[in-house]
Amino acid sequence: MAKPLITIKEAHSIENVINKSRFIAYIKPVHSEDEAKSFINEIKSKHKDATHNCSAYTVGPEMNIQKANDDGEPSGTAGIPMLEILKKLDVHDVCVVVTRYFGGIKLGGGGLIRAYSGAVRDVIYDAGRVELKEAVPVTVTLSYDQTGKFEYELASTPYILRNQFYTDKVSYQIDVVKEDYEAFIHFLNRITAGNYDIEKEDIKLLPFDIATT
């Protein structure tokens, strides 16, 4: 099985204050270099009055595209340290922009590196990393008398309940990792004695929380 790609699910931002300088870190999933550049320009437009808007991004399953920009900070103190955090945490297909409002106290080269790399690390952890896996989205429809047992058993499985709908029956939208699909069908048969309807969609890359041990 191919190694799952690690990314984040959605855009996020945080703010740190270090020696009176404000560091606002923005992160967003991107799927192309054009998307990354557009996001950078969006943040620059939002913070036209900032001292610096430094950026870094990776695009592609092997981080085929990697770019970093110091935006006027001393060379090597902002963009590259930001990019190195993306690589160290193995975060793919994301763009980060760290906006700085200078507070009057110089941080020095080492201080800048720690501030910018720390801002990226913090925004990644605050956003939460996910794994992109090949998965099968399904809709399972059950009668109401089956739902209690099904929901109880489903809660202890790795299958992700995305949504549910109520009509004369109950429909569950569930994401199942491709390799687990056969086991999922066995699970359904065991819980429902084969009394269910299922609609299967095409395989997609979908986000799953990173397993912790």
Protein backbone atom coordinates (compact mmCIF):
# COMPACT_ATOMS: atom_id res chain seq x y z
CA MET A 1 0.00 0.00 0.00
CA ALA A 2 1.33 3.42 -0.93
CA LYS A 3 2.30 5.71 1.91
CA PRO A 4 -0.60 8.08 2.72
CA LEU A 5 0.01 11.76 2.06
CA ILE A 6 -0.12 14.08 5.05
CA THR A 7 -1.79 17.48 4.70
CA ILE A 8 -4.34 19.62 6.56
CA LYS A 9 -8.09 19.52 6.05
CA GLU A 10 -8.85 23.24 5.84
CA ALA A 11 -7.39 26.75 6.07
CA HIS A 12 -6.35 27.98 9.49
CA SER A 13 -4.47 30.84 11.18
CA ILE A 14 -2.88 31.69 14.52
CA GLU A 15 -1.01 34.66 15.98
CA ASN A 16 2.13 34.81 18.16
CA VAL A 17 3.72 37.89 19.73
CA ILE A 18 7.50 37.76 20.17
CA ASN A 19 9.36 40.77 21.58
CA LYS A 20 6.47 43.03 20.55
CA SER A 21 6.46 41.79 16.94
CA ARG A 22 3.21 40.18 15.77
CA PHE A 23 3.59 36.99 13.72
CA ILE A 24 0.34 35.88 12.07
CA ALA A 25 0.63 32.45 10.46
CA TYR A 26 -1.80 31.37 7.74
CA ILE A 27 -1.98 27.90 6.20
CA LYS A 28 -4.18 26.54 3.43
CA PRO A 29 -4.36 23.32 1.39
CA VAL A 30 -3.39 23.90 -2.25
CA HIS A 31 -3.37 21.62 -5.27
CA SER A 32 -1.22 23.63 -7.68
CA GLU A 33 1.44 26.31 -7.72
CA ASP A 34 -1.12 28.78 -9.08
CA GLU A 35 -3.33 28.16 -6.03
CA ALA A 36 -0.34 28.74 -3.74
CA LYS A 37 0.57 32.00 -5.48
CA SER A 38 -3.04 33.15 -5.34
CA PHE A 39 -3.18 32.48 -1.59
CA ILE A 40 0.07 34.40 -1.01
CA ASN A 41 -1.28 37.36 -2.97
CA GLU A 42 -4.54 37.21 -0.98
CA ILE A 43 -2.69 37.46 2.34
CA LYS A 44 -0.39 40.20 1.02
CA SER A 45 -3.44 42.18 -0.06
CA LYS A 46 -5.06 41.65 3.34
CA HIS A 47 -1.91 42.84 5.14
CA LYS A 48 -0.61 45.58 2.84
CA ASP A 49 0.63 47.50 5.87
CA ALA A 50 2.64 44.57 7.31
CA THR A 51 6.43 44.73 7.56
CA HIS A 52 6.80 41.34 5.85
CA ASN A 53 4.63 38.59 4.37
CA CYS A 54 6.95 35.59 4.12
CA SER A 55 5.83 32.39 2.44
CA ALA A 56 6.57 28.76 1.63
CA TYR A 57 4.69 25.96 -0.09
CA THR A 58 4.95 22.38 -1.28
CA VAL A 59 2.95 20.88 -4.13
CA GLY A 60 2.84 17.28 -5.33
CA PRO A 61 2.99 13.79 -3.80
CA GLU A 62 6.78 13.93 -3.65
CA MET A 63 6.85 17.66 -2.86
CA ASN A 64 7.85 18.08 -6.50
CA ILE A 65 7.40 21.85 -6.20
CA GLN A 66 8.97 23.62 -3.21
CA LYS A 67 9.22 27.40 -2.95
CA ALA A 68 10.14 29.86 -0.20
CA ASN A 69 10.29 33.65 0.00
CA ASP A 70 11.81 35.87 2.72
CA ASP A 71 9.90 38.98 1.54
CA GLY A 72 12.60 41.36 2.70
CA GLU A 73 13.76 39.57 5.85
CA PRO A 74 17.50 38.73 5.91
CA SER A 75 18.21 35.90 3.48
CA GLY A 76 17.55 32.46 4.93
CA THR A 77 15.81 33.65 8.11
CA ALA A 78 12.15 33.22 7.11
CA GLY A 79 11.06 31.41 3.93
CA ILE A 80 13.58 28.55 4.06
CA PRO A 81 13.01 27.81 7.78
CA MET A 82 9.27 27.82 7.08
CA LEU A 83 9.73 25.37 4.20
CA GLU A 84 11.95 23.15 6.33
CA ILE A 85 9.13 22.76 8.89
CA LEU A 86 6.74 21.68 6.12
CA LYS A 87 9.30 19.08 5.05
CA LYS A 88 10.15 17.97 8.58
CA LEU A 89 6.47 17.43 9.43
CA ASP A 90 5.93 15.84 5.98
CA VAL A 91 3.02 18.16 5.14
CA HIS A 92 2.12 18.07 1.44
CA ASP A 93 0.08 20.36 -0.79
CA VAL A 94 -0.06 23.34 1.54
CA CYS A 95 0.94 26.99 1.45
CA VAL A 96 1.96 28.96 4.53
CA VAL A 97 2.27 32.72 4.86
CA VAL A 98 3.63 34.34 8.00
CA THR A 99 2.79 38.04 8.29
CA ARG A 100 5.04 40.12 10.56
CA TYR A 101 4.30 43.49 12.09
CA PHE A 102 7.62 44.73 13.47
CA GLY A 103 7.39 45.74 17.12
CA GLY A 104 10.58 47.78 17.41
CA ILE A 105 12.89 45.12 18.86
CA LYS A 106 15.27 43.33 16.47
CA LEU A 107 15.32 39.55 16.91
CA GLY A 108 18.59 38.75 15.13
CA GLY A 109 19.07 35.96 12.62
CA GLY A 110 18.54 33.11 15.06
CA GLY A 111 15.54 34.78 16.61
CA LEU A 112 13.91 35.28 13.23
CA ILE A 113 14.47 31.65 12.26
CA ARG A 114 12.90 30.47 15.51
CA ALA A 115 9.98 32.89 15.16
CA TYR A 116 9.08 31.98 11.57
CA SER A 117 9.65 28.24 11.87
CA GLY A 118 7.81 28.22 15.21
CA ALA A 119 4.83 30.03 13.69
CA VAL A 120 4.55 27.43 10.93
CA ARG A 121 4.91 24.52 13.36
CA ASP A 122 2.25 26.02 15.63
CA VAL A 123 -0.28 26.67 12.87
CA ILE A 124 0.15 23.11 11.52
CA TYR A 125 -0.41 21.53 14.91
CA ASP A 126 -3.31 23.86 15.67
CA ALA A 127 -4.96 23.09 12.34
CA GLY A 128 -4.40 19.37 12.77
CA ARG A 129 -2.76 17.09 10.24
CA VAL A 130 -4.70 14.49 8.26
CA GLU A 131 -3.75 11.62 5.97
CA LEU A 132 -5.08 11.53 2.42
CA LYS A 133 -6.00 7.94 1.60
CA GLU A 134 -7.71 6.26 -1.31
CA ALA A 135 -11.21 5.65 -0.01
CA VAL A 136 -14.66 4.57 -1.15
CA PRO A 137 -17.54 6.90 -0.20
CA VAL A 138 -20.71 4.87 0.37
CA THR A 139 -24.28 5.55 1.39
CA VAL A 140 -25.82 2.82 3.54
CA THR A 141 -29.59 2.85 4.08
CA LEU A 142 -31.21 1.00 6.98
CA SER A 143 -34.60 0.71 8.61
CA TYR A 144 -35.08 2.56 11.90
CA ASP A 145 -35.07 -0.62 13.98
CA GLN A 146 -31.50 -1.35 12.82
CA THR A 147 -29.99 2.04 13.63
CA GLY A 148 -29.23 1.65 17.34
CA LYS A 149 -27.05 -1.43 16.99
CA PHE A 150 -25.46 -0.15 13.78
CA GLU A 151 -24.47 3.24 15.22
CA TYR A 152 -23.12 1.63 18.40
CA GLU A 153 -20.95 -0.84 16.44
CA LEU A 154 -19.88 1.74 13.85
CA ALA A 155 -18.44 3.99 16.57
CA SER A 156 -15.73 1.43 17.35
CA THR A 157 -14.61 0.94 13.72
CA PRO A 158 -12.19 2.92 11.51
CA TYR A 159 -15.00 3.80 9.09
CA ILE A 160 -15.78 7.52 9.02
CA LEU A 161 -19.40 8.63 9.36
CA ARG A 162 -19.65 11.83 7.32
CA ASN A 163 -23.38 12.52 7.46
CA GLN A 164 -26.79 10.94 7.93
CA PHE A 165 -30.29 11.63 6.61
CA TYR A 166 -33.75 10.68 7.83
CA THR A 167 -36.72 9.84 5.60
CA ASP A 168 -38.82 6.69 5.91
CA LYS A 169 -35.43 5.07 6.53
CA VAL A 170 -32.01 6.29 7.70
CA SER A 171 -29.14 6.84 5.24
CA TYR A 172 -25.52 7.04 6.41
CA GLN A 173 -22.73 8.57 4.30
CA ILE A 174 -19.55 6.73 5.25
CA ASP A 175 -15.95 6.90 3.99
CA VAL A 176 -14.13 3.56 3.87
CA VAL A 177 -10.42 3.18 3.11
CA LYS A 178 -10.10 1.18 -0.11
CA GLU A 179 -8.20 -1.68 1.53
CA ASP A 180 -10.90 -1.97 4.21
CA TYR A 181 -13.87 -2.16 1.85
CA GLU A 182 -14.26 -5.94 1.90
CA ALA A 183 -14.07 -5.94 5.71
CA PHE A 184 -16.69 -3.16 5.76
CA ILE A 185 -19.09 -5.31 3.74
CA HIS A 186 -18.55 -8.19 6.17
CA PHE A 187 -19.25 -5.75 9.01
CA LEU A 188 -22.51 -4.65 7.37
CA ASN A 189 -23.63 -8.21 6.78
CA ARG A 190 -22.88 -9.17 10.38
CA ILE A 191 -24.66 -6.17 11.92
CA THR A 192 -27.71 -6.14 9.64
CA ALA A 193 -27.99 -9.81 8.62
CA GLY A 194 -27.75 -8.56 5.03
CA ASN A 195 -30.75 -6.23 5.31
CA TYR A 196 -29.37 -2.98 3.92
CA ASP A 197 -29.07 -0.95 0.74
CA ILE A 198 -25.71 0.48 -0.32
CA GLU A 199 -24.62 2.97 -2.98
CA LYS A 200 -20.92 3.01 -3.80
CA GLU A 201 -19.10 6.00 -5.33
CA ASP A 202 -15.81 6.09 -7.23
CA ILE A 203 -12.57 5.93 -5.24
CA LYS A 204 -11.36 9.34 -4.03
CA LEU A 205 -8.49 10.75 -2.01
CA LEU A 206 -10.12 11.65 1.32
CA PRO A 207 -8.79 13.00 4.63
CA PHE A 208 -8.52 10.78 7.71
CA ASP A 209 -7.24 11.73 11.15
CA ILE A 210 -3.70 10.53 11.78
CA ALA A 211 -3.72 7.47 14.00
CA THR A 212 -2.02 7.89 17.37
CA THR A 213 -0.42 5.13 19.40
